[in-house]
Amino acid sequence: MNRIDELGKLQQEKEFDIIIIGGGATGLGCAVDAASRGYKTLLLEKYDFSKGTSSRSTKLVHGGVRYLAQGNVHLVREALLERGRLLRNAPHVCHSLSFVVPAYKWWQKWYYGFGLWMYEFLSGKLSLGKTRLLSKRKALEDLPDLSPDHLTGGVFYYDGQFDDSRLAINLAQTAVEQGAVVLNYIGVTGFIKEGDVISGVRAKDELNGMEFTIKAKVVVNATGVFADALLQLAEGHSEQTISPSQGIHLVVEKHFFGGSAGMMIPKTDDGRVLFAIPWHDKLVIGTTDTAVQNITAEPKPLQEEVDFIIRHFNRYTASEIDYSDVKSVFVGLRPLAKQGAGTKTSVMPRDHVIKVLPSGLVHITGGKWTTYRNMAEKTIDKAIQTAGSAYIPCKTKDLKIHGWMENGTNGPLAVYGADAEFIKQMIREDGSLAEKIHPSYPYTKAEVKWCIVNEMAITPEDILARRLRLLFLDAQAAMDAAPVVARMLSSLTFQSAEWEHEQIMAFNELAKAYLIHF
């Protein structure tokens, strides 16, 4: 997947069946779906793939236990089926993970156990494993750092885990393999209309200012929390369809919560579920749900959110954490479908909503990573209908995602799946590429080169945040590694020393926001 090649295709092809705006989970899913059906497909992303919400999830492929408690059985059933398909179609970036729900009152084990048995039952043949009740002794064996005071036992169950932005890159690669043109750093600046109906887009390359006018039979707005801005541009009014909600996650060293299982706290003070999950040899703790007004590409954590997570985590553990233990804090905005004034975001359903606007723009909001494929299928069905194109059925239920391999590999390169062998070959050909970019982490120069040459990484942020995940694991280490990454980018893309310096400064400024400064 090479950006120069994709730009060449865009310049040759002036008209598409479907243009998709947005390179997050939903947009990339739509591109894979449309291209695999045989439609001439273009995806444009203003920033990098999964720059926003789609790289900032809780790293779970799940049905949503709390949605079951809310009575939304349909959403849970759909998500559990999609969970099974995703683990089957992308096993290199998705896997099952065991969880324990601790019980501190005698009735909780039975109450939560019943709910999780229902959760397992709804997954049907795609179940990941048996749910069972745990004694106090067994709960402490699985989670040795649980606070033993008043512990009565727990519930053991399985769910899915993944690397969100790695999956996003793989979806972009899959879309290209299926015939789509996929580009990051190209923003849509306006719409072309015939009468009042959209017939294409105007776009600009954010890197060099080149402008494009591109025709299409139908345009899909899959820009997540930014979708209302495009809706307003298309329709000429200020309708709002999204209630954005902010969620934060803290990342600490794994030793604060030993064991191979994750912990699920089923009810926090605000009615949410809180997770503590092993991920890339760290522990991810989250999340919060805070209604916000301002939508930005880099949302900031609030002190009360950080305090909320630390307070709840410390309630359940024998070891306590504080600000100084946090290696990184990352923040995402959820594009919740608006439910009316006064509705708390924490109780809003995660269902998606697809609208065809008077201009013909297909507008998709809501949803979650786990159901991205199902959302894409329904969105492309609606887009085909809107365009009046001949119907071709969806093919993605069993479509293997780029990197799929029958027998997975272990170690730091496992998330690359089948591509891991190419990275190893690079090291065999040039031993210097085996050098680590930071002494405390396994990431190598070979991976950096692979991301630049084959995964459309343009900036140090693209590599350190979304290809290698170091910014999300340890913000200070990412800043330490930035000069090495910037130097490699500069060399491989023929940039100046001034550009290299500017990139390091820009990345350091961004990375500071992933450290706690309260």
Protein backbone atom coordinates (compact mmCIF):
# COMPACT_ATOMS: atom_id res chain seq x y z
CA MET A 1 0.00 0.00 0.00
CA ASN A 2 1.85 3.02 -1.31
CA ARG A 3 0.55 6.61 -1.29
CA ILE A 4 2.27 7.61 -4.53
CA ASP A 5 0.67 4.67 -6.31
CA GLU A 6 -2.75 5.55 -4.89
CA LEU A 7 -2.38 9.20 -5.93
CA GLY A 8 -1.53 8.02 -9.44
CA LYS A 9 -4.74 5.98 -9.56
CA LEU A 10 -6.76 8.98 -8.37
CA GLN A 11 -5.31 11.21 -11.07
CA GLN A 12 -6.15 8.64 -13.74
CA GLU A 13 -9.68 7.91 -12.49
CA LYS A 14 -11.96 10.96 -12.40
CA GLU A 15 -15.25 9.19 -11.58
CA PHE A 16 -16.17 6.55 -9.01
CA ASP A 17 -19.25 4.57 -8.09
CA ILE A 18 -18.81 5.39 -4.40
CA ILE A 19 -16.69 7.97 -2.57
CA ILE A 20 -16.27 7.37 1.16
CA ILE A 21 -15.15 10.25 3.35
CA GLY A 22 -13.44 9.15 6.57
CA GLY A 23 -10.65 6.67 7.29
CA GLY A 24 -11.75 5.31 10.65
CA ALA A 25 -13.36 1.95 11.39
CA THR A 26 -16.63 2.70 9.60
CA GLY A 27 -15.15 4.34 6.52
CA LEU A 28 -12.49 1.67 6.04
CA GLY A 29 -15.12 -1.03 6.53
CA CYS A 30 -17.26 0.65 3.86
CA ALA A 31 -14.31 0.77 1.45
CA VAL A 32 -13.59 -2.94 1.92
CA ASP A 33 -17.26 -3.79 1.49
CA ALA A 34 -17.85 -1.66 -1.61
CA ALA A 35 -14.62 -2.66 -3.37
CA SER A 36 -15.07 -6.38 -2.63
CA ARG A 37 -18.50 -6.21 -4.30
CA GLY A 38 -16.86 -4.78 -7.41
CA TYR A 39 -17.87 -1.12 -7.15
CA LYS A 40 -15.33 1.50 -8.17
CA THR A 41 -14.47 2.88 -4.73
CA LEU A 42 -12.49 5.85 -3.38
CA LEU A 43 -11.78 6.55 0.30
CA LEU A 44 -10.42 9.93 1.43
CA GLU A 45 -9.15 10.67 4.94
CA LYS A 46 -8.12 14.21 5.93
CA TYR A 47 -5.61 13.05 8.54
CA ASP A 48 -4.14 9.57 9.01
CA PHE A 49 -6.16 6.36 9.09
CA SER A 50 -7.84 5.96 12.51
CA LYS A 51 -6.33 9.25 13.72
CA GLY A 52 -9.44 9.92 15.81
CA THR A 53 -11.76 7.67 17.78
CA SER A 54 -10.78 4.46 15.99
CA SER A 55 -7.26 4.36 17.49
CA ARG A 56 -8.43 5.27 21.01
CA SER A 57 -10.77 2.42 21.95
CA THR A 58 -10.64 0.15 25.02
CA LYS A 59 -9.02 -2.45 22.72
CA LEU A 60 -11.96 -4.84 23.11
CA VAL A 61 -13.91 -6.73 20.46
CA HIS A 62 -17.02 -7.31 22.52
CA GLY A 63 -20.77 -7.52 22.59
CA GLY A 64 -21.11 -4.98 25.37
CA VAL A 65 -22.08 -6.50 28.71
CA ARG A 66 -23.73 -3.28 29.90
CA TYR A 67 -25.91 -3.08 26.79
CA LEU A 68 -27.34 -6.44 27.89
CA ALA A 69 -28.12 -4.92 31.30
CA GLN A 70 -29.87 -2.06 29.47
CA GLY A 71 -32.03 -4.61 27.66
CA ASN A 72 -30.52 -4.02 24.22
CA VAL A 73 -30.37 -7.72 23.38
CA HIS A 74 -30.43 -7.10 19.60
CA LEU A 75 -27.25 -4.96 19.72
CA VAL A 76 -25.46 -7.47 21.96
CA ARG A 77 -26.41 -10.43 19.75
CA GLU A 78 -25.30 -8.60 16.60
CA ALA A 79 -22.02 -7.51 18.22
CA LEU A 80 -21.24 -11.01 19.51
CA LEU A 81 -21.73 -12.50 16.04
CA GLU A 82 -19.49 -9.79 14.57
CA ARG A 83 -16.93 -10.47 17.32
CA GLY A 84 -16.72 -14.09 16.21
CA ARG A 85 -16.35 -13.14 12.55
CA LEU A 86 -13.61 -10.62 13.31
CA LEU A 87 -11.56 -13.07 15.38
CA ARG A 88 -11.90 -15.56 12.52
CA ASN A 89 -11.06 -13.09 9.71
CA ALA A 90 -8.21 -11.20 11.43
CA PRO A 91 -6.64 -13.58 13.99
CA HIS A 92 -3.27 -11.80 13.83
CA VAL A 93 -4.68 -8.62 15.43
CA CYS A 94 -7.67 -10.09 17.31
CA HIS A 95 -7.73 -12.81 19.95
CA SER A 96 -9.79 -14.06 22.88
CA LEU A 97 -9.03 -12.82 26.40
CA SER A 98 -10.24 -14.16 29.73
CA PHE A 99 -11.86 -11.80 32.24
CA VAL A 100 -12.79 -11.94 35.90
CA VAL A 101 -15.63 -9.97 37.45
CA PRO A 102 -14.84 -9.72 41.18
CA ALA A 103 -17.71 -10.16 43.64
CA TYR A 104 -17.60 -8.41 47.01
CA LYS A 105 -21.15 -9.24 48.10
CA TRP A 106 -22.56 -12.78 48.27
CA TRP A 107 -25.24 -12.13 45.65
CA GLN A 108 -23.01 -10.48 43.04
CA LYS A 109 -21.42 -13.73 41.85
CA TRP A 110 -24.85 -15.17 41.00
CA TYR A 111 -26.27 -11.94 39.60
CA TYR A 112 -23.34 -11.22 37.29
CA GLY A 113 -22.89 -14.90 36.57
CA PHE A 114 -26.43 -15.14 35.18
CA GLY A 115 -25.89 -12.07 33.00
CA LEU A 116 -22.61 -13.43 31.64
CA TRP A 117 -24.13 -16.86 30.98
CA MET A 118 -26.75 -15.03 28.89
CA TYR A 119 -23.91 -13.15 27.18
CA GLU A 120 -22.22 -16.44 26.29
CA PHE A 121 -25.53 -18.00 25.17
CA LEU A 122 -26.20 -15.12 22.76
CA SER A 123 -22.87 -15.73 21.01
CA GLY A 124 -24.10 -19.18 19.92
CA LYS A 125 -21.64 -21.19 17.83
CA LEU A 126 -19.21 -18.26 17.92
CA SER A 127 -18.75 -18.52 21.70
CA LEU A 128 -15.14 -17.99 22.83
CA GLY A 129 -15.35 -20.24 25.91
CA LYS A 130 -17.33 -21.25 28.97
CA THR A 131 -18.45 -18.82 31.65
CA ARG A 132 -18.03 -20.12 35.20
CA LEU A 133 -18.30 -19.03 38.82
CA LEU A 134 -15.11 -18.70 40.87
CA SER A 135 -14.41 -19.20 44.55
CA LYS A 136 -12.46 -16.51 46.38
CA ARG A 137 -9.30 -18.63 46.14
CA LYS A 138 -9.67 -19.18 42.39
CA ALA A 139 -10.46 -15.51 41.74
CA LEU A 140 -7.21 -14.57 43.49
CA GLU A 141 -5.30 -17.16 41.48
CA ASP A 142 -6.50 -15.57 38.24
CA LEU A 143 -6.08 -11.99 39.52
CA PRO A 144 -3.47 -12.11 42.32
CA ASP A 145 -3.54 -8.34 42.84
CA LEU A 146 -7.25 -8.16 43.60
CA SER A 147 -8.01 -6.73 47.03
CA PRO A 148 -8.93 -9.81 49.14
CA ASP A 149 -10.89 -7.83 51.76
CA HIS A 150 -14.56 -8.93 51.65
CA LEU A 151 -13.98 -10.74 48.32
CA THR A 152 -16.51 -13.59 47.96
CA GLY A 153 -15.42 -14.90 44.56
CA GLY A 154 -15.99 -13.87 40.97
CA VAL A 155 -17.20 -14.74 37.51
CA PHE A 156 -14.86 -15.93 34.77
CA TYR A 157 -15.77 -15.28 31.12
CA TYR A 158 -14.21 -14.68 27.70
CA ASP A 159 -14.30 -11.73 25.33
CA GLY A 160 -12.23 -10.45 22.41
CA GLN A 161 -9.24 -8.11 22.33
CA PHE A 162 -7.52 -6.39 19.42
CA ASP A 163 -5.11 -3.69 18.31
CA ASP A 164 -7.46 -1.08 16.89
CA SER A 165 -5.23 1.07 14.67
CA ARG A 166 -3.31 -1.97 13.42
CA LEU A 167 -6.64 -3.42 12.29
CA ALA A 168 -7.46 -0.10 10.62
CA ILE A 169 -4.22 -0.23 8.60
CA ASN A 170 -5.00 -3.82 7.62
CA LEU A 171 -8.49 -2.78 6.46
CA ALA A 172 -6.95 -0.03 4.30
CA GLN A 173 -4.60 -2.64 2.79
CA THR A 174 -7.51 -5.02 2.23
CA ALA A 175 -9.52 -2.31 0.48
CA VAL A 176 -6.59 -1.60 -1.86
CA GLU A 177 -6.24 -5.32 -2.57
CA GLN A 178 -9.94 -5.43 -3.45
CA GLY A 179 -9.47 -2.60 -5.96
CA ALA A 180 -10.31 0.53 -3.96
CA VAL A 181 -8.28 3.74 -4.12
CA VAL A 182 -7.45 4.66 -0.52
CA LEU A 183 -5.68 7.85 0.56
CA ASN A 184 -4.80 9.53 3.83
CA TYR A 185 -4.07 13.25 4.20
CA ILE A 186 -6.63 14.26 1.57
CA GLY A 187 -9.44 16.38 2.97
CA VAL A 188 -12.80 17.02 1.34
CA THR A 189 -13.31 20.77 1.00
CA GLY A 190 -16.69 20.87 -0.75
CA PHE A 191 -19.29 19.04 -2.79
CA ILE A 192 -20.14 19.13 -6.48
CA LYS A 193 -23.88 19.28 -7.13
CA GLU A 194 -26.18 18.83 -10.07
CA GLY A 195 -29.17 20.84 -8.98
CA ASP A 196 -29.45 20.06 -5.27
CA VAL A 197 -28.01 16.55 -5.52
CA ILE A 198 -24.37 15.71 -4.79
CA SER A 199 -22.48 14.35 -7.79
CA GLY A 200 -18.94 14.45 -6.44
CA VAL A 201 -16.46 16.15 -4.14
CA ARG A 202 -13.70 18.72 -4.16
CA ALA A 203 -10.64 17.67 -2.20
CA LYS A 204 -7.18 18.91 -1.30
CA ASP A 205 -3.94 17.08 -0.56
CA GLU A 206 -3.00 18.29 2.93
CA LEU A 207 0.68 17.64 2.22
CA ASN A 208 1.24 19.60 -0.99
CA GLY A 209 -1.96 21.60 -1.55
CA MET A 210 -2.89 19.80 -4.79
CA GLU A 211 -6.63 20.07 -5.48
CA PHE A 212 -8.95 17.46 -6.98
CA THR A 213 -12.43 17.46 -8.44
CA ILE A 214 -13.86 13.94 -8.37
CA LYS A 215 -17.22 12.71 -9.61
CA ALA A 216 -19.24 9.95 -7.95
CA LYS A 217 -22.64 8.29 -8.17
CA VAL A 218 -22.96 8.49 -4.38
CA VAL A 219 -20.95 9.88 -1.45
CA VAL A 220 -20.80 8.35 2.06
CA ASN A 221 -20.09 10.53 5.09
CA ALA A 222 -18.30 8.25 7.58
CA THR A 223 -16.30 10.88 9.46
CA GLY A 224 -17.35 9.92 12.99
CA VAL A 225 -17.44 12.83 15.42
CA PHE A 226 -16.75 15.23 12.52
CA ALA A 227 -19.76 14.02 10.49
CA ASP A 228 -22.03 16.95 11.33
CA ALA A 229 -19.59 19.46 9.83
CA LEU A 230 -19.78 17.65 6.47
CA LEU A 231 -23.55 17.23 6.77
CA GLN A 232 -23.90 20.98 7.27
CA LEU A 233 -21.61 21.66 4.29
CA ALA A 234 -23.71 19.34 2.11
CA GLU A 235 -27.13 20.48 3.27
CA GLY A 236 -26.51 24.16 3.98
CA HIS A 237 -27.99 24.12 7.48
CA SER A 238 -26.83 23.47 11.06
CA GLU A 239 -28.59 20.20 11.93
CA GLN A 240 -26.76 18.16 14.58
CA THR A 241 -26.98 14.36 14.57
CA ILE A 242 -24.17 13.55 17.02
CA SER A 243 -23.85 13.83 20.81
CA PRO A 244 -20.10 13.52 21.32
CA SER A 245 -18.89 11.78 24.46
CA GLN A 246 -15.31 11.66 25.74
CA GLY A 247 -13.66 8.56 27.14
CA ILE A 248 -10.14 8.35 28.55
CA HIS A 249 -7.79 5.44 29.29
CA LEU A 250 -4.78 5.29 31.58
CA VAL A 251 -1.80 3.06 30.78
CA VAL A 252 0.40 1.79 33.60
CA GLU A 253 3.01 -0.94 34.02
CA LYS A 254 1.65 -4.48 34.01
CA HIS A 255 3.06 -5.28 37.48
CA PHE A 256 0.32 -3.20 39.10
CA PHE A 257 -2.16 -5.93 38.20
CA GLY A 258 -0.63 -9.33 37.59
CA GLY A 259 -2.20 -12.38 36.00
CA SER A 260 -3.16 -13.16 32.45
CA ALA A 261 -6.84 -12.20 32.75
CA GLY A 262 -8.46 -8.80 32.52
CA MET A 263 -10.77 -7.36 35.17
CA MET A 264 -14.24 -6.02 34.52
CA ILE A 265 -15.82 -3.80 37.17
CA PRO A 266 -19.51 -4.08 36.25
CA LYS A 267 -20.80 -0.86 37.76
CA THR A 268 -18.92 2.34 38.55
CA ASP A 269 -20.31 5.38 40.35
CA ASP A 270 -21.70 6.75 37.06
CA GLY A 271 -23.17 3.43 35.92
CA ARG A 272 -20.43 2.51 33.45
CA VAL A 273 -18.33 -0.62 33.14
CA LEU A 274 -14.61 -0.20 33.91
CA PHE A 275 -11.92 -2.50 32.51
CA ALA A 276 -8.32 -3.23 33.48
CA ILE A 277 -6.78 -5.11 30.56
CA PRO A 278 -3.33 -6.45 29.71
CA TRP A 279 -2.25 -5.03 26.34
CA HIS A 280 1.22 -5.01 24.74
CA ASP A 281 2.85 -5.80 28.13
CA LYS A 282 1.15 -2.85 29.77
CA LEU A 283 -2.16 -2.42 31.63
CA VAL A 284 -4.92 -0.31 30.05
CA ILE A 285 -7.56 1.01 32.48
CA GLY A 286 -10.75 2.71 31.33
CA THR A 287 -13.01 4.24 30.38
CA THR A 288 -15.03 7.33 31.27
CA ASP A 289 -18.10 8.88 29.65
CA THR A 290 -18.17 12.66 29.66
CA ALA A 291 -20.43 14.72 27.41
CA VAL A 292 -18.40 17.35 25.51
CA GLN A 293 -19.20 20.31 23.31
CA ASN A 294 -15.94 20.91 21.48
CA ILE A 295 -14.86 18.37 18.87
CA THR A 296 -11.10 18.34 18.25
CA ALA A 297 -8.61 15.97 16.64
CA GLU A 298 -6.65 15.79 19.92
CA PRO A 299 -9.08 15.88 22.88
CA LYS A 300 -7.56 16.41 26.34
CA PRO A 301 -8.20 14.43 29.54
CA LEU A 302 -9.95 16.16 32.40
CA GLN A 303 -8.52 15.87 35.89
CA GLU A 304 -11.81 14.54 37.24
CA GLU A 305 -11.72 11.75 34.62
CA VAL A 306 -8.21 10.70 35.60
CA ASP A 307 -9.15 10.82 39.29
CA PHE A 308 -12.28 8.76 38.59
CA ILE A 309 -10.31 5.91 36.99
CA ILE A 310 -7.55 5.92 39.62
CA ARG A 311 -10.10 5.94 42.44
CA HIS A 312 -12.09 3.02 41.04
CA PHE A 313 -9.01 0.95 40.17
CA ASN A 314 -7.54 1.45 43.62
CA ARG A 315 -10.78 0.29 45.25
CA TYR A 316 -10.38 -3.16 43.75
CA THR A 317 -6.63 -3.74 43.96
CA ALA A 318 -4.07 -4.51 46.62
CA SER A 319 -1.54 -2.17 44.92
CA GLU A 320 -2.45 1.47 44.39
CA ILE A 321 -1.56 3.80 41.51
CA ASP A 322 -1.27 7.58 41.34
CA TYR A 323 -0.45 10.20 38.70
CA SER A 324 3.26 9.37 38.68
CA ASP A 325 2.55 5.77 37.62
CA VAL A 326 0.70 6.71 34.43
CA LYS A 327 2.87 6.12 31.35
CA SER A 328 0.29 7.47 28.91
CA VAL A 329 -3.28 8.77 28.91
CA PHE A 330 -5.21 8.65 25.65
CA VAL A 331 -8.56 10.24 24.93
CA GLY A 332 -11.21 9.43 22.35
CA LEU A 333 -14.52 10.99 21.33
CA ARG A 334 -17.48 8.70 20.68
CA PRO A 335 -19.78 9.69 17.78
CA LEU A 336 -23.01 8.77 19.58
CA ALA A 337 -26.18 9.12 17.52
CA LYS A 338 -28.17 12.01 19.04
CA GLN A 339 -31.15 10.83 21.09
CA GLY A 340 -32.72 14.15 22.03
CA ALA A 341 -31.95 16.87 24.56
CA GLY A 342 -31.08 15.89 28.10
CA THR A 343 -30.12 12.27 27.44
CA LYS A 344 -26.99 11.19 29.34
CA THR A 345 -24.28 9.94 26.98
CA SER A 346 -23.46 7.09 29.38
CA VAL A 347 -26.89 5.51 28.77
CA MET A 348 -27.14 6.26 25.05
CA PRO A 349 -27.25 3.12 22.93
CA ARG A 350 -24.31 2.35 20.61
CA ASP A 351 -26.61 1.50 17.70
CA HIS A 352 -25.70 3.08 14.38
CA VAL A 353 -27.99 5.33 12.37
CA ILE A 354 -27.89 5.61 8.56
CA LYS A 355 -29.64 8.51 6.86
CA VAL A 356 -29.91 9.55 3.22
CA LEU A 357 -30.04 13.34 3.26
CA PRO A 358 -31.94 15.46 0.68
CA SER A 359 -28.65 16.10 -1.13
CA GLY A 360 -28.18 12.34 -1.57
CA LEU A 361 -25.35 12.20 0.99
CA VAL A 362 -25.37 8.87 2.84
CA HIS A 363 -24.72 9.79 6.48
CA ILE A 364 -23.63 7.11 8.99
CA THR A 365 -23.25 7.83 12.73
CA GLY A 366 -22.95 5.84 15.95
CA GLY A 367 -21.89 2.23 16.27
CA LYS A 368 -18.72 0.70 17.66
CA TRP A 369 -15.55 -1.02 16.40
CA THR A 370 -16.92 -4.52 16.94
CA THR A 371 -19.84 -3.96 14.56
CA TYR A 372 -17.91 -2.04 11.90
CA ARG A 373 -18.42 -4.76 9.24
CA ASN A 374 -22.17 -4.98 9.79
CA MET A 375 -22.44 -1.16 9.74
CA ALA A 376 -20.46 -1.06 6.49
CA GLU A 377 -22.68 -3.68 4.86
CA LYS A 378 -25.85 -1.75 5.68
CA THR A 379 -24.28 1.56 4.65
CA ILE A 380 -23.15 0.26 1.26
CA ASP A 381 -26.57 -1.38 0.71
CA LYS A 382 -28.12 2.06 1.26
CA ALA A 383 -25.51 3.75 -0.94
CA ILE A 384 -26.18 1.34 -3.83
CA GLN A 385 -29.90 2.01 -3.54
CA THR A 386 -29.32 5.78 -3.46
CA ALA A 387 -27.05 5.66 -6.52
CA GLY A 388 -29.46 3.44 -8.45
CA SER A 389 -26.60 1.00 -9.13
CA ALA A 390 -27.11 -2.69 -9.83
CA TYR A 391 -27.19 -4.60 -6.55
CA ILE A 392 -24.27 -6.92 -5.77
CA PRO A 393 -24.50 -8.77 -2.43
CA CYS A 394 -22.05 -8.22 0.45
CA LYS A 395 -18.99 -10.50 0.54
CA THR A 396 -17.25 -9.51 3.77
CA LYS A 397 -18.64 -12.01 6.31
CA ASP A 398 -15.90 -14.48 5.44
CA LEU A 399 -13.39 -12.14 3.77
CA LYS A 400 -9.91 -12.58 5.24
CA ILE A 401 -8.34 -9.29 6.27
CA HIS A 402 -4.81 -8.38 5.12
CA GLY A 403 -2.22 -10.12 7.27
CA TRP A 404 -4.38 -13.20 7.91
CA MET A 405 -2.41 -16.38 8.35
CA GLU A 406 -3.58 -19.87 9.20
CA ASN A 407 -1.04 -20.48 11.94
CA GLY A 408 -0.29 -17.28 13.80
CA THR A 409 3.14 -16.22 14.97
CA ASN A 410 4.25 -15.11 18.43
CA GLY A 411 6.51 -12.29 19.54
CA PRO A 412 6.65 -8.56 18.81
CA LEU A 413 5.88 -8.99 15.09
CA ALA A 414 2.72 -11.04 15.65
CA VAL A 415 0.39 -8.11 14.88
CA TYR A 416 1.76 -7.97 11.32
CA GLY A 417 0.52 -11.48 10.61
CA ALA A 418 1.70 -12.67 7.20
CA ASP A 419 3.66 -9.42 6.73
CA ALA A 420 5.99 -10.34 9.62
CA GLU A 421 8.05 -12.52 7.26
CA PHE A 422 8.73 -9.54 4.98
CA ILE A 423 9.97 -7.50 7.96
CA LYS A 424 12.26 -10.37 9.01
CA GLN A 425 13.57 -10.52 5.44
CA MET A 426 14.42 -6.81 5.59
CA ILE A 427 16.52 -7.49 8.69
CA ARG A 428 18.27 -10.43 7.00
CA GLU A 429 19.21 -8.14 4.10
CA ASP A 430 20.30 -5.22 6.30
CA GLY A 431 21.33 -6.10 9.85
CA SER A 432 21.25 -2.46 10.96
CA LEU A 433 17.44 -2.56 10.71
CA ALA A 434 17.36 -4.93 13.71
CA GLU A 435 18.29 -1.98 15.95
CA LYS A 436 15.60 -0.94 18.39
CA ILE A 437 14.22 2.60 18.23
CA HIS A 438 14.06 2.60 22.07
CA PRO A 439 16.03 0.31 24.41
CA SER A 440 13.01 -0.57 26.58
CA TYR A 441 10.67 -1.62 23.77
CA PRO A 442 10.89 -4.25 21.02
CA TYR A 443 10.14 -1.95 18.06
CA THR A 444 12.87 -1.99 15.40
CA LYS A 445 14.03 0.19 12.54
CA ALA A 446 12.81 -2.53 10.18
CA GLU A 447 9.25 -1.96 11.37
CA VAL A 448 9.62 1.78 10.89
CA LYS A 449 10.85 1.26 7.34
CA TRP A 450 8.01 -1.19 6.65
CA CYS A 451 5.43 1.35 7.86
CA ILE A 452 6.88 4.10 5.68
CA VAL A 453 7.20 2.00 2.52
CA ASN A 454 4.11 -0.20 2.80
CA GLU A 455 1.63 1.38 5.24
CA MET A 456 1.42 5.04 4.14
CA ALA A 457 3.02 6.44 7.30
CA ILE A 458 3.84 10.09 6.64
CA THR A 459 4.82 11.56 10.02
CA PRO A 460 6.48 10.38 13.26
CA GLU A 461 3.02 10.51 14.85
CA ASP A 462 1.63 8.09 12.25
CA ILE A 463 4.36 5.61 13.18
CA LEU A 464 4.69 6.11 16.93
CA ALA A 465 0.96 6.46 17.66
CA ARG A 466 -0.85 4.22 15.18
CA ARG A 467 1.60 1.81 13.52
CA LEU A 468 3.82 0.90 16.51
CA ARG A 469 1.58 2.12 19.41
CA LEU A 470 4.48 3.46 21.49
CA LEU A 471 2.80 6.82 22.17
CA PHE A 472 -0.18 4.99 23.67
CA LEU A 473 2.05 2.78 25.81
CA ASP A 474 4.70 5.22 27.03
CA ALA A 475 4.55 8.84 25.94
CA GLN A 476 8.02 9.75 27.20
CA ALA A 477 9.60 6.77 25.43
CA ALA A 478 7.82 7.84 22.24
CA MET A 479 9.37 11.31 22.52
CA ASP A 480 12.78 9.72 23.07
CA ALA A 481 12.31 7.62 19.90
CA ALA A 482 10.98 10.46 17.74
CA PRO A 483 14.40 11.65 16.42
CA VAL A 484 15.27 8.16 15.13
CA VAL A 485 11.88 7.83 13.41
CA ALA A 486 12.01 11.36 11.95
CA ARG A 487 15.50 10.70 10.58
CA MET A 488 14.35 7.54 8.85
CA LEU A 489 11.29 9.29 7.42
CA SER A 490 13.44 12.14 6.18
CA SER A 491 15.89 9.77 4.51
CA LEU A 492 13.33 7.48 2.88
CA THR A 493 11.05 10.28 1.64
CA PHE A 494 13.82 12.75 0.65
CA GLN A 495 12.87 15.48 3.11
CA SER A 496 15.10 18.28 4.39
CA ALA A 497 16.84 18.58 7.76
CA GLU A 498 14.48 21.47 8.51
CA TRP A 499 11.44 19.23 7.87
CA GLU A 500 12.95 16.59 10.16
CA HIS A 501 13.41 19.12 12.97
CA GLU A 502 9.86 20.47 12.55
CA GLN A 503 8.42 16.96 12.72
CA ILE A 504 10.27 16.18 15.96
CA MET A 505 9.07 19.44 17.54
CA ALA A 506 5.47 18.86 16.41
CA PHE A 507 5.45 15.30 17.73
CA ASN A 508 6.90 16.27 21.10
CA GLU A 509 4.27 18.98 21.50
CA LEU A 510 1.51 16.46 20.73
CA ALA A 511 3.01 13.75 22.97
CA LYS A 512 3.11 16.04 26.01
CA ALA A 513 -0.70 15.88 26.08
CA TYR A 514 -0.43 12.10 26.70
CA LEU A 515 1.37 12.78 29.98
CA ILE A 516 -0.40 13.95 33.14
CA HIS A 517 0.38 17.56 34.07
CA PHE A 518 -2.24 18.31 36.74
